[in-house]
Amino acid sequence: MCELLGLSSDIPATVNLSLTTLAEHGGFSGPHRDGWGIGYYEGPDLRLIKETAAAADSDWVRFVRNHNLRSHIVVAHVRRATVGERSYRNTQPFVRELAGRMHLFAHNGWLAGIFDSPLFRSSRFYPVGETDSEQAFCALLERMTELWRRPGEIPPLEARLSVVSVFAQDLTRLGPANFLYSDGDTLFGHGHRRIQAATSRVEAPGLFCLQRRCRGGGGGFAAGGLSITGADQTVALLASVPLSDESWQPLGEGEVIALRNGEIAERHVGVQPAIHA
């Protein structure tokens, strides 16, 4: 399965060290050699870097590390192809414009039957590639169009969380559905099930969260795969597996979490239907 990493921060932060750790899963310590990508929000717009080569020996990963790119919201994905060929169009994260903002999505798992399900069709957004993940993203944005009606106006968080939560619960009927989604204002994460290294079984948890705070002083900190410069920082990370020896907290099965400025703004725990792996 793929690897996910998301960051929310109250000041622009870099995830260079975490990306390096994630890249090691992408070919050296893990089997994920089918591409990788990372998106950095720049206001409502997005700086997206991705390629089909393995992240572990990528010149682009070194470029990201050497250029110290920073953002309030960052999402990264390392791919192990299950649906769709190894190609740029099938490499995550996926992005689309809605209401004058770039929306971003990255998924971990597999979604049997999504192309035939009426719950995941869209009349406005269409996949560029062949993956079940991109089809899911298009379906999510179709649902979001009811909220995002005017450029420059951000819908209430409660309304967006409701749409994401219902979508996530529908998605779990098809298979493992861990995902990260952002509209540039909030980072949403859904933890479900994934193949566990210790048991080789598909089970929870599917996503972990780490919160860090650094108050006072002016030097910032570099720890737990995260480097930030500034006097006061609040950050939160979401990842498929813990990336450091810190107190990563597993999301409950079916839990949706909303992160803003490094804080947990809202969370929703849904009832998950059984799936067969």
C-alpha atoms as a PDB file:
ATOM      1  CA  MET A   1       0.000   0.000   0.000  1.00  0.00           C
ATOM      2  CA  CYS A   2       0.999   3.619  -0.437  1.00  0.00           C
ATOM      3  CA  GLU A   3       2.418   5.980   2.192  1.00  0.00           C
ATOM      4  CA  LEU A   4       0.803   9.286   3.193  1.00  0.00           C
ATOM      5  CA  LEU A   5       2.194  12.347   4.958  1.00  0.00           C
ATOM      6  CA  GLY A   6       0.374  15.571   5.762  1.00  0.00           C
ATOM      7  CA  LEU A   7       1.387  18.674   7.698  1.00  0.00           C
ATOM      8  CA  SER A   8      -0.556  21.595   9.143  1.00  0.00           C
ATOM      9  CA  SER A   9       1.289  24.513  10.769  1.00  0.00           C
ATOM     10  CA  ASP A  10       0.523  27.960  12.130  1.00  0.00           C
ATOM     11  CA  ILE A  11       3.638  29.316  10.380  1.00  0.00           C
ATOM     12  CA  PRO A  12       5.205  28.133   7.113  1.00  0.00           C
ATOM     13  CA  ALA A  13       7.064  24.900   7.860  1.00  0.00           C
ATOM     14  CA  THR A  14       9.249  22.468   5.960  1.00  0.00           C
ATOM     15  CA  VAL A  15       8.904  18.675   6.033  1.00  0.00           C
ATOM     16  CA  ASN A  16      12.325  17.904   4.593  1.00  0.00           C
ATOM     17  CA  LEU A  17      13.314  15.318   7.187  1.00  0.00           C
ATOM     18  CA  SER A  18       9.940  13.594   7.131  1.00  0.00           C
ATOM     19  CA  LEU A  19      10.019  13.492   3.349  1.00  0.00           C
ATOM     20  CA  THR A  20      13.418  11.791   3.511  1.00  0.00           C
ATOM     21  CA  THR A  21      12.041   9.190   5.908  1.00  0.00           C
ATOM     22  CA  LEU A  22       8.991   8.725   3.711  1.00  0.00           C
ATOM     23  CA  ALA A  23      11.235   8.387   0.667  1.00  0.00           C
ATOM     24  CA  GLU A  24      13.077   5.528   2.343  1.00  0.00           C
ATOM     25  CA  HIS A  25       9.763   3.685   2.408  1.00  0.00           C
ATOM     26  CA  GLY A  26       9.598   4.444  -1.322  1.00  0.00           C
ATOM     27  CA  GLY A  27      12.168   1.923  -2.474  1.00  0.00           C
ATOM     28  CA  PHE A  28      14.763   1.180   0.210  1.00  0.00           C
ATOM     29  CA  SER A  29      13.044   0.151   3.459  1.00  0.00           C
ATOM     30  CA  GLY A  30       9.690  -0.342   1.720  1.00  0.00           C
ATOM     31  CA  PRO A  31       8.275  -1.600  -1.610  1.00  0.00           C
ATOM     32  CA  HIS A  32       6.863   1.697  -2.883  1.00  0.00           C
ATOM     33  CA  ARG A  33       8.846   2.366  -6.062  1.00  0.00           C
ATOM     34  CA  ASP A  34       6.043   3.507  -8.376  1.00  0.00           C
ATOM     35  CA  GLY A  35       6.284   7.271  -7.964  1.00  0.00           C
ATOM     36  CA  TRP A  36       5.821   9.989  -5.386  1.00  0.00           C
ATOM     37  CA  GLY A  37       4.549  13.544  -5.072  1.00  0.00           C
ATOM     38  CA  ILE A  38       4.339  16.470  -2.684  1.00  0.00           C
ATOM     39  CA  GLY A  39       2.161  19.589  -2.671  1.00  0.00           C
ATOM     40  CA  TYR A  40       2.874  22.876  -0.851  1.00  0.00           C
ATOM     41  CA  TYR A  41       0.060  25.383  -0.544  1.00  0.00           C
ATOM     42  CA  GLU A  42       0.790  28.973  -1.547  1.00  0.00           C
ATOM     43  CA  GLY A  43      -2.386  30.697  -0.363  1.00  0.00           C
ATOM     44  CA  PRO A  44      -5.243  29.316  -2.488  1.00  0.00           C
ATOM     45  CA  ASP A  45      -2.740  28.034  -5.068  1.00  0.00           C
ATOM     46  CA  LEU A  46      -0.443  25.015  -4.908  1.00  0.00           C
ATOM     47  CA  ARG A  47       3.178  24.155  -5.682  1.00  0.00           C
ATOM     48  CA  LEU A  48       3.123  20.519  -6.855  1.00  0.00           C
ATOM     49  CA  ILE A  49       6.185  18.319  -7.431  1.00  0.00           C
ATOM     50  CA  LYS A  50       5.797  14.681  -8.462  1.00  0.00           C
ATOM     51  CA  GLU A  51       7.419  11.998 -10.618  1.00  0.00           C
ATOM     52  CA  THR A  52       7.111   8.329 -11.513  1.00  0.00           C
ATOM     53  CA  ALA A  53      10.616   7.353 -10.309  1.00  0.00           C
ATOM     54  CA  ALA A  54      11.239   5.876  -6.845  1.00  0.00           C
ATOM     55  CA  ALA A  55      11.456   8.581  -4.188  1.00  0.00           C
ATOM     56  CA  ALA A  56      14.389   6.957  -2.412  1.00  0.00           C
ATOM     57  CA  ASP A  57      16.923   7.765  -5.152  1.00  0.00           C
ATOM     58  CA  SER A  58      15.221  10.830  -6.656  1.00  0.00           C
ATOM     59  CA  ASP A  59      17.006  14.022  -7.679  1.00  0.00           C
ATOM     60  CA  TRP A  60      13.703  15.828  -7.124  1.00  0.00           C
ATOM     61  CA  VAL A  61      13.585  14.701  -3.488  1.00  0.00           C
ATOM     62  CA  ARG A  62      17.077  16.146  -3.086  1.00  0.00           C
ATOM     63  CA  PHE A  63      15.851  19.333  -4.790  1.00  0.00           C
ATOM     64  CA  VAL A  64      13.005  19.631  -2.253  1.00  0.00           C
ATOM     65  CA  ARG A  65      15.405  19.055   0.628  1.00  0.00           C
ATOM     66  CA  ASN A  66      17.976  21.560  -0.630  1.00  0.00           C
ATOM     67  CA  HIS A  67      15.513  24.368  -1.386  1.00  0.00           C
ATOM     68  CA  ASN A  68      13.858  24.441   2.025  1.00  0.00           C
ATOM     69  CA  LEU A  69      10.303  24.806   0.677  1.00  0.00           C
ATOM     70  CA  ARG A  70       7.800  25.874   3.314  1.00  0.00           C
ATOM     71  CA  SER A  71       4.027  26.017   3.680  1.00  0.00           C
ATOM     72  CA  HIS A  72       1.160  26.052   6.181  1.00  0.00           C
ATOM     73  CA  ILE A  73      -0.230  22.873   4.575  1.00  0.00           C
ATOM     74  CA  VAL A  74       1.840  20.127   2.950  1.00  0.00           C
ATOM     75  CA  VAL A  75       0.725  16.744   1.597  1.00  0.00           C
ATOM     76  CA  ALA A  76       3.057  14.002   0.322  1.00  0.00           C
ATOM     77  CA  HIS A  77       2.405  10.549  -1.158  1.00  0.00           C
ATOM     78  CA  VAL A  78       4.670   7.614  -2.041  1.00  0.00           C
ATOM     79  CA  ARG A  79       3.039   5.160  -4.429  1.00  0.00           C
ATOM     80  CA  ARG A  80       2.864   1.422  -4.766  1.00  0.00           C
ATOM     81  CA  ALA A  81       0.773   0.889  -7.886  1.00  0.00           C
ATOM     82  CA  THR A  82      -2.301  -1.328  -7.511  1.00  0.00           C
ATOM     83  CA  VAL A  83      -4.697   0.276 -10.016  1.00  0.00           C
ATOM     84  CA  GLY A  84      -3.413   2.106 -13.107  1.00  0.00           C
ATOM     85  CA  GLU A  85      -0.032   1.934 -14.780  1.00  0.00           C
ATOM     86  CA  ARG A  86       3.091   3.619 -13.489  1.00  0.00           C
ATOM     87  CA  SER A  87       2.726   7.041 -15.103  1.00  0.00           C
ATOM     88  CA  TYR A  88       2.694  10.719 -14.231  1.00  0.00           C
ATOM     89  CA  ARG A  89      -1.077  10.993 -14.626  1.00  0.00           C
ATOM     90  CA  ASN A  90      -1.563   8.254 -12.028  1.00  0.00           C
ATOM     91  CA  THR A  91       0.897   9.742  -9.537  1.00  0.00           C
ATOM     92  CA  GLN A  92      -0.487  11.396  -6.407  1.00  0.00           C
ATOM     93  CA  PRO A  93      -1.357  13.858  -4.948  1.00  0.00           C
ATOM     94  CA  PHE A  94      -4.123  14.813  -7.379  1.00  0.00           C
ATOM     95  CA  VAL A  95      -5.232  18.438  -7.689  1.00  0.00           C
ATOM     96  CA  ARG A  96      -8.278  20.254  -9.093  1.00  0.00           C
ATOM     97  CA  GLU A  97      -9.616  23.815  -9.020  1.00  0.00           C
ATOM     98  CA  LEU A  98     -12.927  24.506  -7.286  1.00  0.00           C
ATOM     99  CA  ALA A  99     -14.279  27.997  -6.510  1.00  0.00           C
ATOM    100  CA  GLY A 100     -10.972  29.664  -7.303  1.00  0.00           C
ATOM    101  CA  ARG A 101      -8.913  27.418  -4.993  1.00  0.00           C
ATOM    102  CA  MET A 102      -6.722  24.392  -5.602  1.00  0.00           C
ATOM    103  CA  HIS A 103      -7.971  21.260  -3.864  1.00  0.00           C
ATOM    104  CA  LEU A 104      -5.644  18.327  -3.212  1.00  0.00           C
ATOM    105  CA  PHE A 105      -6.189  14.631  -2.482  1.00  0.00           C
ATOM    106  CA  ALA A 106      -4.019  11.592  -1.729  1.00  0.00           C
ATOM    107  CA  HIS A 107      -5.328   8.090  -0.976  1.00  0.00           C
ATOM    108  CA  ASN A 108      -3.927   4.902   0.515  1.00  0.00           C
ATOM    109  CA  GLY A 109      -5.760   1.627  -0.162  1.00  0.00           C
ATOM    110  CA  TRP A 110      -7.869   0.094  -2.913  1.00  0.00           C
ATOM    111  CA  LEU A 111     -11.524   0.704  -3.807  1.00  0.00           C
ATOM    112  CA  ALA A 112     -13.131  -2.247  -5.569  1.00  0.00           C
ATOM    113  CA  GLY A 113     -16.075  -1.342  -7.789  1.00  0.00           C
ATOM    114  CA  ILE A 114     -15.743   2.426  -7.504  1.00  0.00           C
ATOM    115  CA  PHE A 115     -16.030   2.961 -11.271  1.00  0.00           C
ATOM    116  CA  ASP A 116     -19.421   1.231 -11.333  1.00  0.00           C
ATOM    117  CA  SER A 117     -20.879   2.735  -8.164  1.00  0.00           C
ATOM    118  CA  PRO A 118     -23.463   5.534  -8.581  1.00  0.00           C
ATOM    119  CA  LEU A 119     -22.216   7.041  -5.295  1.00  0.00           C
ATOM    120  CA  PHE A 120     -18.901   7.997  -6.877  1.00  0.00           C
ATOM    121  CA  ARG A 121     -19.861   9.527 -10.208  1.00  0.00           C
ATOM    122  CA  SER A 122     -19.234  13.123 -11.189  1.00  0.00           C
ATOM    123  CA  SER A 123     -20.718  15.347 -13.882  1.00  0.00           C
ATOM    124  CA  ARG A 124     -18.050  18.055 -13.576  1.00  0.00           C
ATOM    125  CA  PHE A 125     -14.788  16.404 -12.549  1.00  0.00           C
ATOM    126  CA  TYR A 126     -13.199  13.569 -14.494  1.00  0.00           C
ATOM    127  CA  PRO A 127     -10.045  11.498 -13.908  1.00  0.00           C
ATOM    128  CA  VAL A 128      -7.002  12.170 -16.069  1.00  0.00           C
ATOM    129  CA  GLY A 129      -5.590   8.749 -15.205  1.00  0.00           C
ATOM    130  CA  GLU A 130      -6.996   5.329 -14.421  1.00  0.00           C
ATOM    131  CA  THR A 131      -6.733   5.055 -10.643  1.00  0.00           C
ATOM    132  CA  ASP A 132      -9.528   4.374  -8.199  1.00  0.00           C
ATOM    133  CA  SER A 133      -8.009   7.118  -6.012  1.00  0.00           C
ATOM    134  CA  GLU A 134      -8.515   9.838  -8.618  1.00  0.00           C
ATOM    135  CA  GLN A 135     -12.075   8.668  -9.264  1.00  0.00           C
ATOM    136  CA  ALA A 136     -12.728   9.028  -5.523  1.00  0.00           C
ATOM    137  CA  PHE A 137     -11.299  12.550  -5.539  1.00  0.00           C
ATOM    138  CA  CYS A 138     -13.530  13.587  -8.436  1.00  0.00           C
ATOM    139  CA  ALA A 139     -16.545  12.228  -6.568  1.00  0.00           C
ATOM    140  CA  LEU A 140     -15.590  14.114  -3.402  1.00  0.00           C
ATOM    141  CA  LEU A 141     -15.288  17.398  -5.280  1.00  0.00           C
ATOM    142  CA  GLU A 142     -18.654  16.780  -6.935  1.00  0.00           C
ATOM    143  CA  ARG A 143     -20.168  16.666  -3.456  1.00  0.00           C
ATOM    144  CA  MET A 144     -18.227  19.746  -2.418  1.00  0.00           C
ATOM    145  CA  THR A 145     -19.675  21.867  -5.240  1.00  0.00           C
ATOM    146  CA  GLU A 146     -22.832  22.317  -3.149  1.00  0.00           C
ATOM    147  CA  LEU A 147     -20.739  24.218  -0.583  1.00  0.00           C
ATOM    148  CA  TRP A 148     -18.103  25.981  -2.694  1.00  0.00           C
ATOM    149  CA  ARG A 149     -20.303  28.357  -4.686  1.00  0.00           C
ATOM    150  CA  ARG A 150     -18.397  31.661  -4.776  1.00  0.00           C
ATOM    151  CA  PRO A 151     -14.670  32.293  -5.234  1.00  0.00           C
ATOM    152  CA  GLY A 152     -13.142  33.873  -2.155  1.00  0.00           C
ATOM    153  CA  GLU A 153     -15.785  32.512   0.232  1.00  0.00           C
ATOM    154  CA  ILE A 154     -14.771  29.557   2.399  1.00  0.00           C
ATOM    155  CA  PRO A 155     -17.718  27.429   3.567  1.00  0.00           C
ATOM    156  CA  PRO A 156     -18.105  26.750   7.319  1.00  0.00           C
ATOM    157  CA  LEU A 157     -15.785  24.053   8.624  1.00  0.00           C
ATOM    158  CA  GLU A 158     -18.675  22.070  10.087  1.00  0.00           C
ATOM    159  CA  ALA A 159     -20.320  21.808   6.670  1.00  0.00           C
ATOM    160  CA  ARG A 160     -17.096  20.716   4.964  1.00  0.00           C
ATOM    161  CA  LEU A 161     -16.363  18.170   7.688  1.00  0.00           C
ATOM    162  CA  SER A 162     -19.849  16.726   7.287  1.00  0.00           C
ATOM    163  CA  VAL A 163     -19.350  16.204   3.553  1.00  0.00           C
ATOM    164  CA  VAL A 164     -15.914  14.614   4.074  1.00  0.00           C
ATOM    165  CA  SER A 165     -17.228  12.347   6.841  1.00  0.00           C
ATOM    166  CA  VAL A 166     -20.182  11.021   4.833  1.00  0.00           C
ATOM    167  CA  PHE A 167     -17.929  10.568   1.805  1.00  0.00           C
ATOM    168  CA  ALA A 168     -15.389   8.659   3.915  1.00  0.00           C
ATOM    169  CA  GLN A 169     -18.038   6.346   5.327  1.00  0.00           C
ATOM    170  CA  ASP A 170     -19.357   5.630   1.820  1.00  0.00           C
ATOM    171  CA  LEU A 171     -15.813   4.967   0.614  1.00  0.00           C
ATOM    172  CA  THR A 172     -15.078   2.365   3.299  1.00  0.00           C
ATOM    173  CA  ARG A 173     -17.750   0.114   1.810  1.00  0.00           C
ATOM    174  CA  LEU A 174     -15.408  -0.446  -1.132  1.00  0.00           C
ATOM    175  CA  GLY A 175     -12.112  -1.125   0.642  1.00  0.00           C
ATOM    176  CA  PRO A 176      -9.305   0.468   2.689  1.00  0.00           C
ATOM    177  CA  ALA A 177      -9.853   4.220   2.462  1.00  0.00           C
ATOM    178  CA  ASN A 178      -7.152   6.211   4.209  1.00  0.00           C
ATOM    179  CA  PHE A 179      -6.859   9.650   2.633  1.00  0.00           C
ATOM    180  CA  LEU A 180      -5.693  13.238   3.020  1.00  0.00           C
ATOM    181  CA  TYR A 181      -7.703  16.091   1.498  1.00  0.00           C
ATOM    182  CA  SER A 182      -7.112  19.831   1.643  1.00  0.00           C
ATOM    183  CA  ASP A 183      -8.817  22.928   0.269  1.00  0.00           C
ATOM    184  CA  GLY A 184      -5.952  25.231   1.290  1.00  0.00           C
ATOM    185  CA  ASP A 185      -7.741  26.311   4.469  1.00  0.00           C
ATOM    186  CA  THR A 186      -8.001  22.981   6.316  1.00  0.00           C
ATOM    187  CA  LEU A 187      -6.236  19.630   6.099  1.00  0.00           C
ATOM    188  CA  PHE A 188      -8.624  16.681   6.496  1.00  0.00           C
ATOM    189  CA  GLY A 189      -7.412  13.180   7.257  1.00  0.00           C
ATOM    190  CA  HIS A 190      -9.396   9.928   7.300  1.00  0.00           C
ATOM    191  CA  GLY A 191      -7.953   6.883   9.043  1.00  0.00           C
ATOM    192  CA  HIS A 192      -9.344   3.476   8.145  1.00  0.00           C
ATOM    193  CA  ARG A 193      -7.405   0.230   7.579  1.00  0.00           C
ATOM    194  CA  ARG A 194      -4.094  -0.726   5.971  1.00  0.00           C
ATOM    195  CA  ILE A 195      -1.764  -3.719   5.735  1.00  0.00           C
ATOM    196  CA  GLN A 196       0.039  -3.884   9.066  1.00  0.00           C
ATOM    197  CA  ALA A 197       3.723  -4.814   8.896  1.00  0.00           C
ATOM    198  CA  ALA A 198       3.556  -6.888  12.077  1.00  0.00           C
ATOM    199  CA  THR A 199       0.624  -9.089  11.011  1.00  0.00           C
ATOM    200  CA  SER A 200       0.316  -8.660   7.205  1.00  0.00           C
ATOM    201  CA  ARG A 201      -3.401  -8.222   7.848  1.00  0.00           C
ATOM    202  CA  VAL A 202      -5.621  -5.371   6.675  1.00  0.00           C
ATOM    203  CA  GLU A 203      -6.753  -3.675   9.877  1.00  0.00           C
ATOM    204  CA  ALA A 204      -6.744  -0.407  11.810  1.00  0.00           C
ATOM    205  CA  PRO A 205      -5.009   1.926  12.353  1.00  0.00           C
ATOM    206  CA  GLY A 206      -4.615   3.432   8.910  1.00  0.00           C
ATOM    207  CA  LEU A 207      -3.305   6.861   9.951  1.00  0.00           C
ATOM    208  CA  PHE A 208      -1.368   8.412  12.851  1.00  0.00           C
ATOM    209  CA  CYS A 209      -1.254  11.985  14.170  1.00  0.00           C
ATOM    210  CA  LEU A 210       1.568  13.844  15.946  1.00  0.00           C
ATOM    211  CA  GLN A 211       1.208  17.328  17.464  1.00  0.00           C
ATOM    212  CA  ARG A 212       4.190  19.484  18.385  1.00  0.00           C
ATOM    213  CA  ARG A 213       4.397  22.882  20.066  1.00  0.00           C
ATOM    214  CA  CYS A 214       7.378  25.133  20.605  1.00  0.00           C
ATOM    215  CA  ARG A 215       6.700  28.261  22.660  1.00  0.00           C
ATOM    216  CA  GLY A 216       9.131  30.979  23.658  1.00  0.00           C
ATOM    217  CA  GLY A 217      12.685  31.521  22.531  1.00  0.00           C
ATOM    218  CA  GLY A 218      13.492  32.258  18.932  1.00  0.00           C
ATOM    219  CA  GLY A 219      15.355  29.290  17.579  1.00  0.00           C
ATOM    220  CA  GLY A 220      12.519  27.034  16.526  1.00  0.00           C
ATOM    221  CA  PHE A 221      13.207  23.310  16.521  1.00  0.00           C
ATOM    222  CA  ALA A 222      14.146  20.349  14.336  1.00  0.00           C
ATOM    223  CA  ALA A 223      12.771  17.064  15.632  1.00  0.00           C
ATOM    224  CA  GLY A 224      10.499  14.225  14.692  1.00  0.00           C
ATOM    225  CA  GLY A 225      11.114  14.694  10.978  1.00  0.00           C
ATOM    226  CA  LEU A 226      10.057  18.341  11.085  1.00  0.00           C
ATOM    227  CA  SER A 227      12.101  21.544  10.867  1.00  0.00           C
ATOM    228  CA  ILE A 228      10.634  24.969  11.623  1.00  0.00           C
ATOM    229  CA  THR A 229      12.179  28.380  12.108  1.00  0.00           C
ATOM    230  CA  GLY A 230      10.495  31.035  14.234  1.00  0.00           C
ATOM    231  CA  ALA A 231       9.657  32.047  17.768  1.00  0.00           C
ATOM    232  CA  ASP A 232       6.327  30.240  18.275  1.00  0.00           C
ATOM    233  CA  GLN A 233       5.146  27.197  16.351  1.00  0.00           C
ATOM    234  CA  THR A 234       2.227  24.816  16.476  1.00  0.00           C
ATOM    235  CA  VAL A 235       2.327  21.906  14.055  1.00  0.00           C
ATOM    236  CA  ALA A 236       0.490  18.652  13.419  1.00  0.00           C
ATOM    237  CA  LEU A 237       1.545  15.731  11.231  1.00  0.00           C
ATOM    238  CA  LEU A 238      -0.540  12.928   9.750  1.00  0.00           C
ATOM    239  CA  ALA A 239       1.243   9.827   8.447  1.00  0.00           C
ATOM    240  CA  SER A 240       0.496   6.238   7.463  1.00  0.00           C
ATOM    241  CA  VAL A 241       3.067   5.023   9.988  1.00  0.00           C
ATOM    242  CA  PRO A 242       4.975   6.884  12.735  1.00  0.00           C
ATOM    243  CA  LEU A 243       8.053   8.559  11.265  1.00  0.00           C
ATOM    244  CA  SER A 244       9.879   9.212  14.539  1.00  0.00           C
ATOM    245  CA  ASP A 245      10.230   7.938  18.105  1.00  0.00           C
ATOM    246  CA  GLU A 246       7.561  10.281  19.453  1.00  0.00           C
ATOM    247  CA  SER A 247       4.009   9.981  20.723  1.00  0.00           C
ATOM    248  CA  TRP A 248       2.148   9.430  17.467  1.00  0.00           C
ATOM    249  CA  GLN A 249      -1.534   8.776  18.168  1.00  0.00           C
ATOM    250  CA  PRO A 250      -3.487   6.375  15.945  1.00  0.00           C
ATOM    251  CA  LEU A 251      -6.733   7.639  14.470  1.00  0.00           C
ATOM    252  CA  GLY A 252      -9.712   5.465  15.280  1.00  0.00           C
ATOM    253  CA  GLU A 253     -11.095   3.308  12.493  1.00  0.00           C
ATOM    254  CA  GLY A 254     -13.294   5.613  10.421  1.00  0.00           C
ATOM    255  CA  GLU A 255     -12.190   8.778  12.203  1.00  0.00           C
ATOM    256  CA  VAL A 256     -12.013  12.036  10.253  1.00  0.00           C
ATOM    257  CA  ILE A 257      -9.792  14.774  11.642  1.00  0.00           C
ATOM    258  CA  ALA A 258      -9.651  18.426  10.551  1.00  0.00           C
ATOM    259  CA  LEU A 259      -6.400  20.332  11.112  1.00  0.00           C
ATOM    260  CA  ARG A 260      -6.032  24.116  10.985  1.00  0.00           C
ATOM    261  CA  ASN A 261      -2.863  26.031  11.809  1.00  0.00           C
ATOM    262  CA  GLY A 262      -1.326  22.991  13.476  1.00  0.00           C
ATOM    263  CA  GLU A 263      -4.313  22.411  15.764  1.00  0.00           C
ATOM    264  CA  ILE A 264      -7.072  19.790  15.736  1.00  0.00           C
ATOM    265  CA  ALA A 265     -10.035  21.990  14.847  1.00  0.00           C
ATOM    266  CA  GLU A 266     -12.664  19.236  14.642  1.00  0.00           C
ATOM    267  CA  ARG A 267     -12.901  15.464  14.532  1.00  0.00           C
ATOM    268  CA  HIS A 268     -15.626  12.998  13.688  1.00  0.00           C
ATOM    269  CA  VAL A 269     -15.760   9.299  14.514  1.00  0.00           C
ATOM    270  CA  GLY A 270     -18.018   7.357  12.173  1.00  0.00           C
ATOM    271  CA  VAL A 271     -19.438   3.831  12.292  1.00  0.00           C
ATOM    272  CA  GLN A 272     -17.669   1.740   9.700  1.00  0.00           C
ATOM    273  CA  PRO A 273     -19.250  -1.073   7.702  1.00  0.00           C
ATOM    274  CA  ALA A 274     -17.353  -4.331   7.454  1.00  0.00           C
ATOM    275  CA  ILE A 275     -15.148  -4.953   4.426  1.00  0.00           C
ATOM    276  CA  HIS A 276     -13.495  -8.131   3.271  1.00  0.00           C
ATOM    277  CA  ALA A 277      -9.765  -8.088   2.551  1.00  0.00           C
END
